[in-house]
């Protein structure tokens, strides 16, 4: 087996506990599910999962050396990510209660494509996730077993599967609740404000961390 089975079991348990603790990813998927329905929640999860695959690849390539050598790069990426989240939140609050043709056709407040791209972009440019992945995954890799890239790939696959199980479930449940609320126009405005507030809060948190 290319991965130490004991380390793999420990990695799985640790990752599951971490994902069950509400964090930026879960809150983002929750907001997308409430705004756009179960499908948007799932596609937001897919976007986050794809970005995590990139993070795992960067961890294997040793991006930590870049951030250590150029601290400014970390700051720039963090500020861009925070600004984008705040921008999304402000746009939702500004256009609360409004419907666009593509949204009306999809029956929700956020299309699946938009949910996927937002999930991909916001998580992809989150340096905190990159540095966490770089610091976390190597703890469960055994260089003496060889095939380090394969070990990273297996751990990354486990990470993505758990992402879909945990955050995907959150997105679908939030979507079903949000779907019932969106049929009431006054409730929809409140949903937009609440979702926008979540995104702005995430952006501020990312900026000050």
N, C-alpha and C. Protein backbone atom coordinates (compact mmCIF):
# COMPACT_ATOMS: atom_id res chain seq x y z
N UNK A 1 0.85 -1.20 0.00
CA UNK A 1 0.00 0.00 0.00
C UNK A 1 0.89 1.25 0.00
N UNK A 2 0.65 2.21 -0.91
CA UNK A 2 1.53 3.38 -1.01
C UNK A 2 1.44 4.34 0.17
N UNK A 3 0.36 4.24 0.97
CA UNK A 3 0.17 5.13 2.12
C UNK A 3 0.13 4.30 3.38
N UNK A 4 0.75 4.79 4.45
CA UNK A 4 0.69 4.11 5.73
C UNK A 4 -0.77 4.03 6.18
N UNK A 5 -1.33 2.83 6.37
CA UNK A 5 -2.75 2.70 6.72
C UNK A 5 -3.13 3.40 8.03
N UNK A 6 -2.20 3.40 8.99
CA UNK A 6 -2.49 4.07 10.27
C UNK A 6 -2.56 5.59 10.07
N UNK A 7 -1.63 6.13 9.29
CA UNK A 7 -1.64 7.56 9.00
C UNK A 7 -2.87 7.94 8.19
N UNK A 8 -3.28 7.06 7.27
CA UNK A 8 -4.47 7.34 6.45
C UNK A 8 -5.72 7.39 7.31
N UNK A 9 -5.85 6.45 8.25
CA UNK A 9 -7.00 6.44 9.15
C UNK A 9 -7.01 7.69 10.02
N UNK A 10 -5.84 8.08 10.52
CA UNK A 10 -5.74 9.27 11.35
C UNK A 10 -6.07 10.52 10.55
N UNK A 11 -5.59 10.57 9.31
CA UNK A 11 -5.88 11.71 8.43
C UNK A 11 -7.38 11.83 8.18
N UNK A 12 -8.02 10.69 7.91
CA UNK A 12 -9.46 10.68 7.62
C UNK A 12 -10.26 11.20 8.82
N UNK A 13 -9.94 10.70 10.01
CA UNK A 13 -10.66 11.13 11.21
C UNK A 13 -10.43 12.60 11.51
N UNK A 14 -9.17 13.04 11.40
CA UNK A 14 -8.84 14.43 11.70
C UNK A 14 -9.52 15.37 10.71
N UNK A 15 -9.49 15.01 9.43
CA UNK A 15 -10.11 15.85 8.40
C UNK A 15 -11.62 15.93 8.59
N UNK A 16 -12.24 14.79 8.94
CA UNK A 16 -13.69 14.76 9.14
C UNK A 16 -14.09 15.67 10.30
N UNK A 17 -13.34 15.60 11.39
CA UNK A 17 -13.64 16.46 12.55
C UNK A 17 -13.48 17.94 12.17
N UNK A 18 -12.42 18.25 11.41
CA UNK A 18 -12.18 19.63 11.00
C UNK A 18 -13.30 20.14 10.10
N UNK A 19 -13.81 19.28 9.21
CA UNK A 19 -14.87 19.70 8.29
C UNK A 19 -16.21 19.85 8.98
N UNK A 20 -16.43 19.06 10.03
CA UNK A 20 -17.69 19.16 10.77
C UNK A 20 -17.75 20.44 11.61
N UNK A 21 -16.58 21.05 11.83
CA UNK A 21 -16.54 22.33 12.55
C UNK A 21 -16.82 23.45 11.56
N UNK A 22 -17.89 24.22 11.77
CA UNK A 22 -18.24 25.28 10.82
C UNK A 22 -17.07 26.23 10.56
N UNK A 23 -16.74 26.39 9.28
CA UNK A 23 -15.65 27.26 8.87
C UNK A 23 -16.03 28.01 7.62
N UNK A 24 -15.09 28.72 7.00
CA UNK A 24 -15.40 29.51 5.79
C UNK A 24 -16.03 28.70 4.66
N UNK A 25 -15.51 27.49 4.39
CA UNK A 25 -16.05 26.69 3.30
C UNK A 25 -17.51 26.32 3.55
N UNK A 26 -17.78 25.85 4.77
CA UNK A 26 -19.14 25.44 5.09
C UNK A 26 -20.10 26.63 5.05
N UNK A 27 -19.66 27.77 5.57
CA UNK A 27 -20.52 28.95 5.55
C UNK A 27 -20.77 29.42 4.12
N UNK A 28 -19.75 29.33 3.28
CA UNK A 28 -19.91 29.74 1.89
C UNK A 28 -20.92 28.83 1.18
N UNK A 29 -20.78 27.52 1.35
CA UNK A 29 -21.71 26.57 0.73
C UNK A 29 -23.11 26.76 1.28
N UNK A 30 -23.20 27.02 2.58
CA UNK A 30 -24.50 27.27 3.22
C UNK A 30 -25.18 28.48 2.57
N UNK A 31 -24.42 29.56 2.38
CA UNK A 31 -24.98 30.75 1.76
C UNK A 31 -25.44 30.50 0.34
N UNK A 32 -24.64 29.77 -0.44
CA UNK A 32 -25.01 29.46 -1.82
C UNK A 32 -26.25 28.58 -1.88
N UNK A 33 -26.34 27.62 -0.96
CA UNK A 33 -27.51 26.74 -0.94
C UNK A 33 -28.78 27.49 -0.61
N UNK A 34 -28.71 28.37 0.38
CA UNK A 34 -29.88 29.16 0.76
C UNK A 34 -30.30 30.06 -0.40
N UNK A 35 -29.32 30.65 -1.06
CA UNK A 35 -29.62 31.62 -2.13
C UNK A 35 -30.09 30.95 -3.42
N UNK A 36 -29.45 29.83 -3.80
CA UNK A 36 -29.72 29.24 -5.11
C UNK A 36 -30.36 27.87 -5.12
N UNK A 37 -30.56 27.27 -3.95
CA UNK A 37 -31.18 25.96 -3.92
C UNK A 37 -30.17 24.83 -3.80
N UNK A 38 -30.65 23.57 -3.69
CA UNK A 38 -29.76 22.42 -3.52
C UNK A 38 -28.70 22.29 -4.61
N UNK A 39 -29.10 22.56 -5.87
CA UNK A 39 -28.14 22.43 -6.98
C UNK A 39 -26.99 23.42 -6.83
N UNK A 40 -27.32 24.65 -6.46
CA UNK A 40 -26.28 25.66 -6.25
C UNK A 40 -25.37 25.26 -5.09
N UNK A 41 -25.95 24.67 -4.04
CA UNK A 41 -25.15 24.21 -2.91
C UNK A 41 -24.17 23.13 -3.31
N UNK A 42 -24.63 22.19 -4.16
CA UNK A 42 -23.74 21.12 -4.63
C UNK A 42 -22.65 21.66 -5.54
N UNK A 43 -23.01 22.58 -6.43
CA UNK A 43 -22.01 23.12 -7.35
C UNK A 43 -21.00 24.01 -6.61
N UNK A 44 -21.45 24.70 -5.57
CA UNK A 44 -20.52 25.47 -4.75
C UNK A 44 -19.52 24.53 -4.08
N UNK A 45 -20.03 23.38 -3.60
CA UNK A 45 -19.16 22.37 -3.01
C UNK A 45 -18.17 21.85 -4.04
N UNK A 46 -18.65 21.63 -5.28
CA UNK A 46 -17.76 21.15 -6.34
C UNK A 46 -16.65 22.17 -6.61
N UNK A 47 -17.00 23.46 -6.63
CA UNK A 47 -15.99 24.49 -6.85
C UNK A 47 -14.93 24.48 -5.76
N UNK A 48 -15.39 24.35 -4.51
CA UNK A 48 -14.46 24.29 -3.38
C UNK A 48 -13.57 23.05 -3.49
N UNK A 49 -14.17 21.91 -3.88
CA UNK A 49 -13.42 20.66 -4.00
C UNK A 49 -12.34 20.76 -5.07
N UNK A 50 -12.68 21.36 -6.22
CA UNK A 50 -11.69 21.52 -7.30
C UNK A 50 -10.53 22.39 -6.82
N UNK A 51 -10.84 23.45 -6.08
CA UNK A 51 -9.78 24.31 -5.58
C UNK A 51 -8.88 23.56 -4.60
N UNK A 52 -9.48 22.63 -3.85
CA UNK A 52 -8.68 21.85 -2.90
C UNK A 52 -7.72 20.91 -3.62
N UNK A 53 -8.13 20.43 -4.79
CA UNK A 53 -7.23 19.60 -5.60
C UNK A 53 -6.00 20.41 -5.98
N UNK A 54 -6.25 21.69 -6.35
CA UNK A 54 -5.13 22.57 -6.70
C UNK A 54 -4.25 22.81 -5.48
N UNK A 55 -4.87 23.00 -4.32
CA UNK A 55 -4.10 23.22 -3.09
C UNK A 55 -3.21 22.03 -2.78
N UNK A 56 -3.75 20.83 -2.97
CA UNK A 56 -2.96 19.63 -2.70
C UNK A 56 -1.76 19.56 -3.64
N UNK A 57 -1.99 19.90 -4.91
CA UNK A 57 -0.90 19.90 -5.88
C UNK A 57 0.16 20.93 -5.50
N UNK A 58 -0.28 22.10 -5.04
CA UNK A 58 0.66 23.13 -4.61
C UNK A 58 1.43 22.70 -3.37
N UNK A 59 0.73 21.99 -2.47
CA UNK A 59 1.40 21.50 -1.28
C UNK A 59 2.50 20.52 -1.66
N UNK A 60 2.20 19.66 -2.60
CA UNK A 60 3.19 18.68 -3.05
C UNK A 60 4.36 19.36 -3.74
N UNK A 61 4.08 20.48 -4.39
CA UNK A 61 5.14 21.19 -5.12
C UNK A 61 5.95 22.11 -4.20
N UNK A 62 5.48 22.28 -2.95
CA UNK A 62 6.24 23.08 -2.00
C UNK A 62 6.07 24.58 -2.14
N UNK A 63 4.80 25.04 -2.30
CA UNK A 63 4.56 26.47 -2.42
C UNK A 63 4.91 27.22 -1.13
N UNK A 64 5.00 26.50 -0.04
CA UNK A 64 5.33 27.15 1.22
C UNK A 64 6.64 27.93 1.11
N UNK A 65 7.57 27.40 0.31
CA UNK A 65 8.86 28.08 0.15
C UNK A 65 8.68 29.47 -0.45
N UNK A 66 7.70 29.61 -1.38
CA UNK A 66 7.45 30.91 -2.00
C UNK A 66 6.92 31.91 -0.99
N UNK A 67 5.94 31.50 -0.20
CA UNK A 67 5.37 32.41 0.78
C UNK A 67 6.40 32.80 1.85
N UNK A 68 7.31 31.85 2.17
CA UNK A 68 8.33 32.15 3.16
C UNK A 68 9.36 33.12 2.59
N UNK A 69 9.68 32.94 1.31
CA UNK A 69 10.67 33.80 0.68
C UNK A 69 10.09 35.17 0.33
N UNK A 70 8.79 35.21 0.04
CA UNK A 70 8.15 36.47 -0.36
C UNK A 70 6.86 36.66 0.43
N UNK A 71 6.94 37.13 1.67
CA UNK A 71 5.74 37.33 2.50
C UNK A 71 4.71 38.25 1.86
N UNK A 72 5.18 39.17 1.01
CA UNK A 72 4.26 40.09 0.35
C UNK A 72 3.26 39.34 -0.52
N UNK A 73 3.69 38.23 -1.12
CA UNK A 73 2.79 37.44 -1.97
C UNK A 73 1.61 36.93 -1.16
N UNK A 74 1.88 36.50 0.07
CA UNK A 74 0.80 36.03 0.95
C UNK A 74 -0.19 37.15 1.21
N UNK A 75 0.32 38.32 1.54
CA UNK A 75 -0.54 39.46 1.86
C UNK A 75 -1.39 39.87 0.67
N UNK A 76 -0.79 39.92 -0.52
CA UNK A 76 -1.51 40.33 -1.72
C UNK A 76 -2.66 39.37 -2.01
N UNK A 77 -2.39 38.08 -1.96
CA UNK A 77 -3.43 37.08 -2.25
C UNK A 77 -4.53 37.14 -1.21
N UNK A 78 -4.15 37.34 0.06
CA UNK A 78 -5.14 37.41 1.13
C UNK A 78 -6.07 38.61 0.93
N UNK A 79 -5.50 39.76 0.60
CA UNK A 79 -6.30 40.97 0.40
C UNK A 79 -7.23 40.82 -0.79
N UNK A 80 -6.74 40.23 -1.89
CA UNK A 80 -7.58 40.02 -3.08
C UNK A 80 -8.75 39.10 -2.74
N UNK A 81 -8.47 38.02 -2.04
CA UNK A 81 -9.54 37.09 -1.67
C UNK A 81 -10.58 37.73 -0.77
N UNK A 82 -10.11 38.50 0.21
CA UNK A 82 -11.03 39.18 1.12
C UNK A 82 -11.90 40.19 0.38
N UNK A 83 -11.26 40.96 -0.52
CA UNK A 83 -12.00 41.97 -1.28
C UNK A 83 -13.07 41.33 -2.15
N UNK A 84 -12.77 40.19 -2.74
CA UNK A 84 -13.74 39.52 -3.61
C UNK A 84 -14.95 39.02 -2.81
N UNK A 85 -14.72 38.47 -1.66
CA UNK A 85 -15.82 38.00 -0.82
C UNK A 85 -16.71 39.17 -0.39
N UNK A 86 -16.07 40.26 0.01
CA UNK A 86 -16.84 41.44 0.43
C UNK A 86 -17.65 41.99 -0.76
N UNK A 87 -17.03 41.98 -1.94
CA UNK A 87 -17.73 42.44 -3.15
C UNK A 87 -18.97 41.58 -3.41
N UNK A 88 -18.84 40.27 -3.29
CA UNK A 88 -20.01 39.39 -3.49
C UNK A 88 -21.11 39.72 -2.50
N UNK A 89 -20.73 39.93 -1.24
CA UNK A 89 -21.72 40.23 -0.22
C UNK A 89 -22.43 41.55 -0.46
N UNK A 90 -21.67 42.57 -0.84
CA UNK A 90 -22.27 43.88 -1.11
C UNK A 90 -23.23 43.80 -2.29
N UNK A 91 -22.85 43.07 -3.35
CA UNK A 91 -23.71 42.93 -4.52
C UNK A 91 -25.02 42.26 -4.17
N UNK A 92 -24.97 41.24 -3.31
CA UNK A 92 -26.19 40.55 -2.90
C UNK A 92 -27.12 41.47 -2.12
N UNK A 93 -26.54 42.28 -1.23
CA UNK A 93 -27.35 43.19 -0.43
C UNK A 93 -27.93 44.30 -1.31
N UNK A 94 -27.13 44.81 -2.24
CA UNK A 94 -27.60 45.88 -3.13
C UNK A 94 -28.75 45.42 -4.01
N UNK A 95 -28.70 44.19 -4.48
CA UNK A 95 -29.71 43.68 -5.41
C UNK A 95 -30.66 42.70 -4.72
N UNK A 96 -30.86 42.88 -3.44
CA UNK A 96 -31.72 41.97 -2.68
C UNK A 96 -33.13 41.97 -3.26
N UNK A 97 -33.66 40.78 -3.37
CA UNK A 97 -35.05 40.63 -3.84
C UNK A 97 -35.21 40.69 -5.34
N UNK A 98 -34.14 41.04 -6.08
CA UNK A 98 -34.27 41.16 -7.53
C UNK A 98 -34.17 39.79 -8.17
N UNK A 99 -34.82 39.65 -9.35
CA UNK A 99 -34.75 38.42 -10.13
C UNK A 99 -34.21 38.75 -11.51
N UNK A 100 -33.32 37.89 -12.00
CA UNK A 100 -32.83 38.01 -13.37
C UNK A 100 -33.41 36.86 -14.18
N UNK A 101 -33.49 36.99 -15.53
CA UNK A 101 -34.09 35.95 -16.35
C UNK A 101 -33.51 34.57 -16.12
N UNK A 102 -32.16 34.45 -16.02
CA UNK A 102 -31.57 33.13 -15.84
C UNK A 102 -31.88 32.58 -14.47
N UNK A 103 -31.99 33.47 -13.47
CA UNK A 103 -32.33 33.02 -12.13
C UNK A 103 -33.77 32.55 -12.07
N UNK A 104 -34.67 33.29 -12.72
CA UNK A 104 -36.07 32.89 -12.71
C UNK A 104 -36.23 31.53 -13.38
N UNK A 105 -35.47 31.30 -14.45
CA UNK A 105 -35.59 30.03 -15.16
C UNK A 105 -35.08 28.88 -14.31
N UNK A 106 -34.05 29.15 -13.50
CA UNK A 106 -33.49 28.08 -12.68
C UNK A 106 -34.24 27.92 -11.36
N UNK A 107 -35.11 28.86 -11.06
CA UNK A 107 -35.93 28.75 -9.86
C UNK A 107 -35.20 29.12 -8.59
N UNK A 108 -34.06 29.79 -8.68
CA UNK A 108 -33.32 30.13 -7.47
C UNK A 108 -32.70 31.49 -7.58
N UNK A 109 -31.86 31.84 -6.59
CA UNK A 109 -31.23 33.13 -6.56
C UNK A 109 -29.78 33.09 -6.98
N UNK A 110 -29.27 31.93 -7.39
CA UNK A 110 -27.89 31.82 -7.83
C UNK A 110 -27.79 30.62 -8.76
N UNK A 111 -27.26 30.82 -9.97
CA UNK A 111 -27.16 29.72 -10.91
C UNK A 111 -26.07 28.75 -10.46
N UNK A 112 -26.15 27.50 -10.94
CA UNK A 112 -25.17 26.49 -10.59
C UNK A 112 -23.78 26.89 -11.06
N UNK A 113 -23.72 27.47 -12.26
CA UNK A 113 -22.42 27.89 -12.82
C UNK A 113 -21.77 28.96 -11.95
N UNK A 114 -22.57 29.95 -11.53
CA UNK A 114 -22.05 31.02 -10.70
C UNK A 114 -21.60 30.49 -9.34
N UNK A 115 -22.38 29.56 -8.78
CA UNK A 115 -22.03 28.97 -7.48
C UNK A 115 -20.70 28.22 -7.58
N UNK A 116 -20.52 27.48 -8.69
CA UNK A 116 -19.28 26.72 -8.88
C UNK A 116 -18.08 27.66 -9.00
N UNK A 117 -18.21 28.68 -9.86
CA UNK A 117 -17.10 29.61 -10.09
C UNK A 117 -16.75 30.40 -8.82
N UNK A 118 -17.78 30.82 -8.09
CA UNK A 118 -17.52 31.55 -6.85
C UNK A 118 -16.82 30.66 -5.82
N UNK A 119 -17.30 29.40 -5.72
CA UNK A 119 -16.67 28.46 -4.79
C UNK A 119 -15.24 28.18 -5.17
N UNK A 120 -14.99 28.04 -6.47
CA UNK A 120 -13.63 27.78 -6.96
C UNK A 120 -12.72 28.97 -6.68
N UNK A 121 -13.18 30.17 -7.05
CA UNK A 121 -12.32 31.35 -6.96
C UNK A 121 -12.05 31.75 -5.52
N UNK A 122 -13.10 31.80 -4.70
CA UNK A 122 -12.91 32.28 -3.33
C UNK A 122 -12.00 31.36 -2.53
N UNK A 123 -12.10 30.06 -2.76
CA UNK A 123 -11.25 29.12 -2.02
C UNK A 123 -9.85 29.03 -2.63
N UNK A 124 -9.80 29.20 -3.95
CA UNK A 124 -8.51 29.07 -4.65
C UNK A 124 -7.54 30.17 -4.24
N UNK A 125 -8.06 31.40 -4.02
CA UNK A 125 -7.17 32.51 -3.69
C UNK A 125 -7.11 32.76 -2.18
N UNK A 126 -7.56 31.79 -1.41
CA UNK A 126 -7.48 31.91 0.05
C UNK A 126 -6.13 31.35 0.51
N UNK A 127 -5.14 32.19 0.79
CA UNK A 127 -3.82 31.69 1.16
C UNK A 127 -3.82 30.91 2.46
N UNK A 128 -4.83 31.18 3.30
CA UNK A 128 -4.91 30.44 4.55
C UNK A 128 -5.16 28.96 4.27
N UNK A 129 -5.99 28.66 3.27
CA UNK A 129 -6.25 27.28 2.89
C UNK A 129 -5.01 26.64 2.28
N UNK A 130 -4.28 27.43 1.46
CA UNK A 130 -3.06 26.90 0.85
C UNK A 130 -2.04 26.55 1.92
N UNK A 131 -1.79 27.49 2.84
CA UNK A 131 -0.78 27.25 3.86
C UNK A 131 -1.22 26.15 4.82
N UNK A 132 -2.52 26.06 5.11
CA UNK A 132 -3.01 24.98 5.98
C UNK A 132 -2.77 23.63 5.32
N UNK A 133 -3.08 23.55 4.02
CA UNK A 133 -2.89 22.29 3.31
C UNK A 133 -1.42 21.91 3.28
N UNK A 134 -0.57 22.90 3.03
CA UNK A 134 0.87 22.64 2.98
C UNK A 134 1.39 22.17 4.34
N UNK A 135 0.85 22.72 5.42
CA UNK A 135 1.30 22.35 6.75
C UNK A 135 0.67 21.04 7.23
N UNK A 136 -0.54 20.77 6.77
CA UNK A 136 -1.33 19.65 7.29
C UNK A 136 -1.01 18.32 6.60
N UNK A 137 -1.07 18.30 5.27
CA UNK A 137 -0.93 17.04 4.54
C UNK A 137 0.41 16.34 4.76
N UNK A 138 1.54 17.07 4.74
CA UNK A 138 2.82 16.37 4.90
C UNK A 138 2.94 15.57 6.20
N UNK A 139 2.13 15.90 7.21
CA UNK A 139 2.18 15.16 8.47
C UNK A 139 1.75 13.71 8.28
N UNK A 140 1.03 13.43 7.19
CA UNK A 140 0.49 12.09 6.96
C UNK A 140 1.16 11.40 5.77
N UNK A 141 2.29 11.94 5.35
CA UNK A 141 3.05 11.36 4.25
C UNK A 141 4.31 10.71 4.82
N UNK A 142 4.60 9.49 4.35
CA UNK A 142 5.80 8.77 4.79
C UNK A 142 6.81 8.73 3.65
N UNK A 143 7.83 9.59 3.67
CA UNK A 143 8.81 9.62 2.58
C UNK A 143 9.51 8.27 2.37
N UNK A 144 9.66 7.52 3.47
CA UNK A 144 10.36 6.24 3.35
C UNK A 144 9.58 5.23 2.50
N UNK A 145 8.28 5.44 2.33
CA UNK A 145 7.49 4.55 1.49
C UNK A 145 7.65 4.88 0.01
N UNK A 146 8.23 6.05 -0.29
CA UNK A 146 8.41 6.45 -1.67
C UNK A 146 7.11 6.94 -2.30
N UNK A 147 7.16 7.26 -3.59
CA UNK A 147 5.98 7.72 -4.34
C UNK A 147 5.21 8.80 -3.56
N UNK A 148 5.93 9.84 -3.19
CA UNK A 148 5.33 10.92 -2.39
C UNK A 148 4.16 11.56 -3.12
N UNK A 149 4.29 11.76 -4.44
CA UNK A 149 3.19 12.35 -5.20
C UNK A 149 1.93 11.50 -5.12
N UNK A 150 2.11 10.17 -5.17
CA UNK A 150 0.96 9.27 -5.09
C UNK A 150 0.31 9.36 -3.72
N UNK A 151 1.13 9.49 -2.67
CA UNK A 151 0.58 9.64 -1.32
C UNK A 151 -0.24 10.92 -1.20
N UNK A 152 0.29 12.01 -1.76
CA UNK A 152 -0.45 13.26 -1.76
C UNK A 152 -1.76 13.12 -2.53
N UNK A 153 -1.72 12.39 -3.65
CA UNK A 153 -2.92 12.21 -4.47
C UNK A 153 -3.99 11.44 -3.71
N UNK A 154 -3.59 10.41 -2.97
CA UNK A 154 -4.55 9.62 -2.19
C UNK A 154 -5.16 10.46 -1.08
N UNK A 155 -4.32 11.20 -0.37
CA UNK A 155 -4.83 12.07 0.70
C UNK A 155 -5.76 13.14 0.13
N UNK A 156 -5.39 13.67 -1.04
CA UNK A 156 -6.25 14.66 -1.68
C UNK A 156 -7.59 14.10 -2.08
N UNK A 157 -7.60 12.85 -2.55
CA UNK A 157 -8.86 12.20 -2.94
C UNK A 157 -9.77 12.03 -1.72
N UNK A 158 -9.18 11.62 -0.60
CA UNK A 158 -9.96 11.48 0.64
C UNK A 158 -10.53 12.83 1.05
N UNK A 159 -9.71 13.87 0.94
CA UNK A 159 -10.14 15.23 1.29
C UNK A 159 -11.34 15.67 0.45
N UNK A 160 -11.29 15.41 -0.86
CA UNK A 160 -12.37 15.82 -1.76
C UNK A 160 -13.65 15.03 -1.47
N UNK A 161 -13.51 13.73 -1.23
CA UNK A 161 -14.70 12.90 -0.92
C UNK A 161 -15.38 13.40 0.35
N UNK A 162 -14.59 13.66 1.38
CA UNK A 162 -15.17 14.16 2.64
C UNK A 162 -15.80 15.54 2.45
N UNK A 163 -15.20 16.34 1.58
CA UNK A 163 -15.75 17.67 1.27
C UNK A 163 -17.16 17.54 0.71
N UNK A 164 -17.33 16.61 -0.24
CA UNK A 164 -18.65 16.41 -0.84
C UNK A 164 -19.65 15.86 0.17
N UNK A 165 -19.21 14.94 1.02
CA UNK A 165 -20.12 14.34 2.00
C UNK A 165 -20.61 15.37 3.00
N UNK A 166 -19.69 16.15 3.56
CA UNK A 166 -20.04 17.09 4.63
C UNK A 166 -20.67 18.37 4.07
N UNK A 167 -19.88 19.12 3.28
CA UNK A 167 -20.38 20.41 2.79
C UNK A 167 -21.48 20.23 1.75
N UNK A 168 -21.42 19.14 0.97
CA UNK A 168 -22.49 18.87 0.00
C UNK A 168 -23.83 18.67 0.70
N UNK A 169 -23.79 17.94 1.81
CA UNK A 169 -25.02 17.72 2.59
C UNK A 169 -25.55 19.04 3.14
N UNK A 170 -24.64 19.88 3.64
CA UNK A 170 -25.03 21.19 4.16
C UNK A 170 -25.67 22.03 3.06
N UNK A 171 -25.05 22.02 1.85
CA UNK A 171 -25.58 22.80 0.74
C UNK A 171 -26.96 22.37 0.30
N UNK A 172 -27.18 21.04 0.24
CA UNK A 172 -28.48 20.52 -0.18
C UNK A 172 -29.57 20.85 0.84
N UNK A 173 -29.27 20.63 2.11
CA UNK A 173 -30.26 20.93 3.16
C UNK A 173 -30.57 22.42 3.20
N UNK A 174 -29.53 23.25 3.09
CA UNK A 174 -29.75 24.70 3.08
C UNK A 174 -30.58 25.10 1.87
N UNK A 175 -30.35 24.43 0.73
CA UNK A 175 -31.10 24.73 -0.48
C UNK A 175 -32.57 24.41 -0.35
N UNK A 176 -32.88 23.32 0.31
CA UNK A 176 -34.29 22.93 0.48
C UNK A 176 -35.02 23.91 1.40
N UNK A 177 -34.34 24.32 2.46
CA UNK A 177 -34.95 25.31 3.36
C UNK A 177 -35.09 26.65 2.64
N UNK A 178 -34.02 27.03 1.91
CA UNK A 178 -34.05 28.30 1.19
C UNK A 178 -35.10 28.32 0.11
N UNK A 179 -35.32 27.16 -0.55
CA UNK A 179 -36.34 27.09 -1.60
C UNK A 179 -37.73 27.41 -1.06
N UNK A 180 -38.02 26.93 0.13
CA UNK A 180 -39.32 27.21 0.74
C UNK A 180 -39.43 28.69 1.08
N UNK A 181 -38.32 29.28 1.56
CA UNK A 181 -38.35 30.69 1.93
C UNK A 181 -38.40 31.60 0.72
N UNK A 182 -37.72 31.21 -0.40
CA UNK A 182 -37.66 32.08 -1.57
C UNK A 182 -39.01 32.30 -2.22
N UNK A 183 -39.98 31.42 -1.95
CA UNK A 183 -41.31 31.60 -2.54
C UNK A 183 -42.05 32.76 -1.89
N UNK A 184 -41.50 33.27 -0.82
CA UNK A 184 -42.07 34.44 -0.16
C UNK A 184 -41.13 35.61 -0.41
N UNK A 185 -41.60 36.61 -1.15
CA UNK A 185 -40.71 37.70 -1.62
C UNK A 185 -40.03 38.45 -0.48
N UNK A 186 -40.76 38.72 0.59
CA UNK A 186 -40.14 39.43 1.71
C UNK A 186 -39.04 38.58 2.34
N UNK A 187 -39.28 37.27 2.40
CA UNK A 187 -38.27 36.37 2.95
C UNK A 187 -37.05 36.33 2.04
N UNK A 188 -37.27 36.41 0.73
CA UNK A 188 -36.15 36.39 -0.21
C UNK A 188 -35.21 37.57 0.01
N UNK A 189 -35.78 38.74 0.27
CA UNK A 189 -34.94 39.91 0.53
C UNK A 189 -34.09 39.68 1.77
N UNK A 190 -34.69 39.07 2.78
CA UNK A 190 -33.94 38.79 4.00
C UNK A 190 -32.83 37.77 3.74
N UNK A 191 -33.13 36.78 2.89
CA UNK A 191 -32.12 35.78 2.53
C UNK A 191 -30.93 36.45 1.86
N UNK A 192 -31.22 37.36 0.91
CA UNK A 192 -30.15 38.05 0.20
C UNK A 192 -29.28 38.84 1.17
N UNK A 193 -29.93 39.53 2.11
CA UNK A 193 -29.18 40.33 3.08
C UNK A 193 -28.35 39.41 3.99
N UNK A 194 -28.97 38.31 4.44
CA UNK A 194 -28.25 37.38 5.33
C UNK A 194 -27.07 36.74 4.61
N UNK A 195 -27.30 36.30 3.36
CA UNK A 195 -26.22 35.67 2.60
C UNK A 195 -25.11 36.67 2.31
N UNK A 196 -25.49 37.89 1.93
CA UNK A 196 -24.49 38.93 1.71
C UNK A 196 -23.70 39.21 2.97
N UNK A 197 -24.38 39.21 4.10
CA UNK A 197 -23.70 39.44 5.38
C UNK A 197 -22.70 38.33 5.69
N UNK A 198 -23.07 37.09 5.34
CA UNK A 198 -22.15 35.97 5.55
C UNK A 198 -20.88 36.17 4.74
N UNK A 199 -21.04 36.53 3.45
CA UNK A 199 -19.88 36.70 2.58
C UNK A 199 -19.01 37.88 3.03
N UNK A 200 -19.66 38.98 3.45
CA UNK A 200 -18.88 40.13 3.93
C UNK A 200 -18.12 39.75 5.19
N UNK A 201 -18.79 39.03 6.07
CA UNK A 201 -18.13 38.57 7.31
C UNK A 201 -16.94 37.68 7.03
N UNK A 202 -17.08 36.79 6.03
CA UNK A 202 -15.97 35.91 5.67
C UNK A 202 -14.81 36.73 5.14
N UNK A 203 -15.13 37.74 4.31
CA UNK A 203 -14.09 38.59 3.76
C UNK A 203 -13.33 39.35 4.82
N UNK A 204 -14.08 39.91 5.77
CA UNK A 204 -13.45 40.66 6.87
C UNK A 204 -12.58 39.73 7.72
N UNK A 205 -13.11 38.53 7.97
CA UNK A 205 -12.36 37.56 8.78
C UNK A 205 -11.06 37.17 8.09
N UNK A 206 -11.14 36.96 6.78
CA UNK A 206 -9.96 36.59 6.01
C UNK A 206 -8.94 37.73 6.01
N UNK A 207 -9.42 38.96 5.96
CA UNK A 207 -8.52 40.12 5.91
C UNK A 207 -7.80 40.35 7.24
N UNK A 208 -8.49 40.11 8.35
CA UNK A 208 -7.89 40.43 9.65
C UNK A 208 -7.13 39.26 10.26
N UNK A 209 -7.37 38.02 9.78
CA UNK A 209 -6.66 36.85 10.33
C UNK A 209 -5.16 36.95 10.07
